[in-house]
Amino acid sequence: MASTISAQPDREQLREAFQAGFDSIDDGDGFYFGFHAFLEEHGFGLREDIPCTCSDNGDHGHQPECRWVKA
């Protein structure tokens, strides 16, 4: 079964997701709680079954938005 990669969050969505993560820290939750919640609310899902989607292919570690795509 072939996996296809579809739309990734754009620059503005990522900015807002990061802000949601920082706001989540201020609320007493962790960064990823708010970051993930924002992306999920905007129709993205974390896909563990696809290759790395980092701009540098994970050469310097994975970015928080790695593998978050719309299905």
N, C-alpha and C. Protein backbone atom coordinates (compact mmCIF):
# COMPACT_ATOMS: atom_id res chain seq x y z
N MET A 1 0.85 -1.17 0.00
CA MET A 1 0.00 0.00 0.00
C MET A 1 0.90 1.24 0.00
N ALA A 2 0.72 2.12 -0.95
CA ALA A 2 1.54 3.32 -1.06
C ALA A 2 0.93 4.45 -0.24
N SER A 3 1.78 5.15 0.50
CA SER A 3 1.34 6.31 1.26
C SER A 3 1.60 7.56 0.45
N THR A 4 0.66 8.48 0.46
CA THR A 4 0.87 9.73 -0.23
C THR A 4 0.91 10.85 0.80
N ILE A 5 1.77 11.82 0.52
CA ILE A 5 1.89 12.98 1.40
C ILE A 5 1.08 14.09 0.79
N SER A 6 0.18 14.65 1.57
CA SER A 6 -0.62 15.76 1.08
C SER A 6 -0.19 17.04 1.78
N ALA A 7 -1.05 18.00 1.80
CA ALA A 7 -0.71 19.35 2.25
C ALA A 7 -0.13 19.37 3.66
N GLN A 8 0.92 20.16 3.80
CA GLN A 8 1.53 20.41 5.09
C GLN A 8 1.09 21.79 5.57
N PRO A 9 1.22 22.07 6.86
CA PRO A 9 0.87 23.40 7.35
C PRO A 9 1.72 24.47 6.66
N ASP A 10 1.08 25.59 6.32
CA ASP A 10 1.85 26.67 5.70
C ASP A 10 2.54 27.51 6.78
N ARG A 11 3.31 28.48 6.35
CA ARG A 11 4.11 29.29 7.26
C ARG A 11 3.25 29.96 8.35
N GLU A 12 2.11 30.52 7.96
CA GLU A 12 1.24 31.20 8.93
C GLU A 12 0.62 30.21 9.91
N GLN A 13 0.21 29.04 9.42
CA GLN A 13 -0.36 28.02 10.31
C GLN A 13 0.69 27.55 11.31
N LEU A 14 1.93 27.41 10.86
CA LEU A 14 2.99 27.00 11.77
C LEU A 14 3.26 28.08 12.82
N ARG A 15 3.25 29.33 12.40
CA ARG A 15 3.45 30.43 13.35
C ARG A 15 2.37 30.38 14.42
N GLU A 16 1.13 30.18 13.99
CA GLU A 16 0.02 30.11 14.94
C GLU A 16 0.11 28.87 15.83
N ALA A 17 0.57 27.75 15.26
CA ALA A 17 0.72 26.52 16.05
C ALA A 17 1.80 26.70 17.12
N PHE A 18 2.91 27.35 16.74
CA PHE A 18 3.96 27.62 17.73
C PHE A 18 3.43 28.53 18.82
N GLN A 19 2.68 29.56 18.45
CA GLN A 19 2.11 30.46 19.45
C GLN A 19 1.16 29.71 20.38
N ALA A 20 0.36 28.82 19.80
CA ALA A 20 -0.54 28.01 20.62
C ALA A 20 0.25 27.14 21.59
N GLY A 21 1.40 26.65 21.15
CA GLY A 21 2.27 25.86 22.03
C GLY A 21 2.81 26.69 23.18
N PHE A 22 3.26 27.91 22.87
CA PHE A 22 3.77 28.79 23.92
C PHE A 22 2.66 29.20 24.88
N ASP A 23 1.48 29.48 24.34
CA ASP A 23 0.33 29.83 25.19
C ASP A 23 -0.02 28.66 26.10
N SER A 24 0.12 27.46 25.59
CA SER A 24 -0.18 26.25 26.35
C SER A 24 0.76 26.12 27.55
N ILE A 25 2.02 26.50 27.36
CA ILE A 25 2.97 26.49 28.47
C ILE A 25 2.50 27.46 29.55
N ASP A 26 2.08 28.66 29.11
CA ASP A 26 1.59 29.67 30.06
C ASP A 26 0.36 29.17 30.82
N ASP A 27 -0.43 28.31 30.20
CA ASP A 27 -1.63 27.76 30.82
C ASP A 27 -1.33 26.57 31.73
N GLY A 28 -0.06 26.15 31.78
CA GLY A 28 0.33 25.04 32.65
C GLY A 28 0.42 23.70 31.96
N ASP A 29 0.18 23.68 30.66
CA ASP A 29 0.33 22.44 29.89
C ASP A 29 1.65 22.51 29.14
N GLY A 30 2.06 21.45 28.52
CA GLY A 30 3.30 21.46 27.77
C GLY A 30 3.14 22.10 26.40
N PHE A 31 4.27 22.44 25.80
CA PHE A 31 4.29 23.05 24.46
C PHE A 31 3.54 22.19 23.45
N TYR A 32 3.85 20.90 23.43
CA TYR A 32 3.27 20.04 22.39
C TYR A 32 1.77 19.88 22.54
N PHE A 33 1.24 20.01 23.74
CA PHE A 33 -0.20 19.94 23.94
C PHE A 33 -0.90 21.01 23.08
N GLY A 34 -0.47 22.24 23.18
CA GLY A 34 -1.08 23.32 22.41
C GLY A 34 -0.73 23.27 20.94
N PHE A 35 0.50 22.92 20.62
CA PHE A 35 0.96 22.83 19.24
C PHE A 35 0.15 21.78 18.48
N HIS A 36 0.06 20.59 19.05
CA HIS A 36 -0.69 19.50 18.41
C HIS A 36 -2.17 19.82 18.33
N ALA A 37 -2.73 20.38 19.40
CA ALA A 37 -4.16 20.70 19.41
C ALA A 37 -4.50 21.69 18.29
N PHE A 38 -3.66 22.70 18.09
CA PHE A 38 -3.90 23.67 17.04
C PHE A 38 -3.92 22.99 15.67
N LEU A 39 -2.91 22.18 15.40
CA LEU A 39 -2.84 21.52 14.09
C LEU A 39 -4.02 20.57 13.88
N GLU A 40 -4.39 19.83 14.91
CA GLU A 40 -5.53 18.93 14.79
C GLU A 40 -6.82 19.70 14.52
N GLU A 41 -6.99 20.85 15.18
CA GLU A 41 -8.18 21.68 14.97
C GLU A 41 -8.26 22.22 13.54
N HIS A 42 -7.13 22.27 12.88
CA HIS A 42 -7.09 22.78 11.51
C HIS A 42 -6.97 21.67 10.47
N GLY A 43 -7.32 20.45 10.88
CA GLY A 43 -7.43 19.34 9.94
C GLY A 43 -6.16 18.59 9.62
N PHE A 44 -5.11 18.81 10.40
CA PHE A 44 -3.86 18.08 10.18
C PHE A 44 -3.78 16.90 11.13
N GLY A 45 -3.05 15.89 10.72
CA GLY A 45 -2.83 14.73 11.56
C GLY A 45 -1.38 14.31 11.50
N LEU A 46 -0.89 13.73 12.57
CA LEU A 46 0.48 13.25 12.63
C LEU A 46 0.52 11.87 11.99
N ARG A 47 1.32 11.73 10.95
CA ARG A 47 1.42 10.46 10.21
C ARG A 47 2.78 9.84 10.47
N GLU A 48 2.81 8.80 11.25
CA GLU A 48 4.07 8.11 11.55
C GLU A 48 4.51 7.20 10.39
N ASP A 49 3.59 6.94 9.45
CA ASP A 49 3.86 5.99 8.39
C ASP A 49 4.42 6.62 7.11
N ILE A 50 4.81 7.89 7.17
CA ILE A 50 5.36 8.56 5.99
C ILE A 50 6.78 9.02 6.29
N PRO A 51 7.55 9.29 5.24
CA PRO A 51 8.93 9.78 5.46
C PRO A 51 8.93 11.16 6.12
N CYS A 52 10.06 11.50 6.67
CA CYS A 52 10.27 12.80 7.30
C CYS A 52 9.86 13.92 6.34
N THR A 53 9.16 14.94 6.87
CA THR A 53 8.75 16.08 6.06
C THR A 53 9.52 17.35 6.44
N CYS A 54 10.58 17.23 7.22
CA CYS A 54 11.38 18.39 7.60
C CYS A 54 12.06 18.97 6.37
N SER A 55 12.27 20.27 6.39
CA SER A 55 12.89 20.93 5.24
C SER A 55 14.31 20.43 4.97
N ASP A 56 15.00 19.93 5.99
CA ASP A 56 16.35 19.40 5.81
C ASP A 56 16.38 17.87 5.90
N ASN A 57 15.22 17.24 5.74
CA ASN A 57 15.08 15.78 5.80
C ASN A 57 15.58 15.19 7.12
N GLY A 58 15.48 15.96 8.19
CA GLY A 58 15.86 15.46 9.51
C GLY A 58 17.34 15.46 9.79
N ASP A 59 18.14 16.09 8.95
CA ASP A 59 19.59 16.11 9.15
C ASP A 59 20.01 16.70 10.48
N HIS A 60 19.23 17.63 11.02
CA HIS A 60 19.55 18.28 12.29
C HIS A 60 18.49 17.96 13.35
N GLY A 61 17.88 16.81 13.24
CA GLY A 61 16.80 16.43 14.14
C GLY A 61 15.47 16.81 13.52
N HIS A 62 14.42 16.30 14.08
CA HIS A 62 13.09 16.57 13.52
C HIS A 62 12.48 17.83 14.10
N GLN A 63 11.82 18.58 13.26
CA GLN A 63 11.12 19.79 13.67
C GLN A 63 9.76 19.39 14.23
N PRO A 64 9.16 20.22 15.09
CA PRO A 64 7.86 19.85 15.67
C PRO A 64 6.79 19.55 14.62
N GLU A 65 6.86 20.19 13.47
CA GLU A 65 5.84 20.00 12.44
C GLU A 65 6.09 18.79 11.54
N CYS A 66 7.15 18.04 11.80
CA CYS A 66 7.48 16.88 10.98
C CYS A 66 6.32 15.88 10.97
N ARG A 67 5.94 15.48 9.78
CA ARG A 67 4.91 14.46 9.52
C ARG A 67 3.49 14.90 9.85
N TRP A 68 3.25 16.20 10.02
CA TRP A 68 1.89 16.70 10.19
C TRP A 68 1.37 17.09 8.82
N VAL A 69 0.37 16.37 8.33
CA VAL A 69 -0.17 16.60 7.00
C VAL A 69 -1.69 16.45 7.03
N LYS A 70 -2.32 16.98 5.99
CA LYS A 70 -3.75 16.74 5.80
C LYS A 70 -3.88 15.47 4.97
N ALA A 71 -4.80 14.64 5.36
CA ALA A 71 -4.97 13.38 4.63
C ALA A 71 -5.98 13.52 3.53
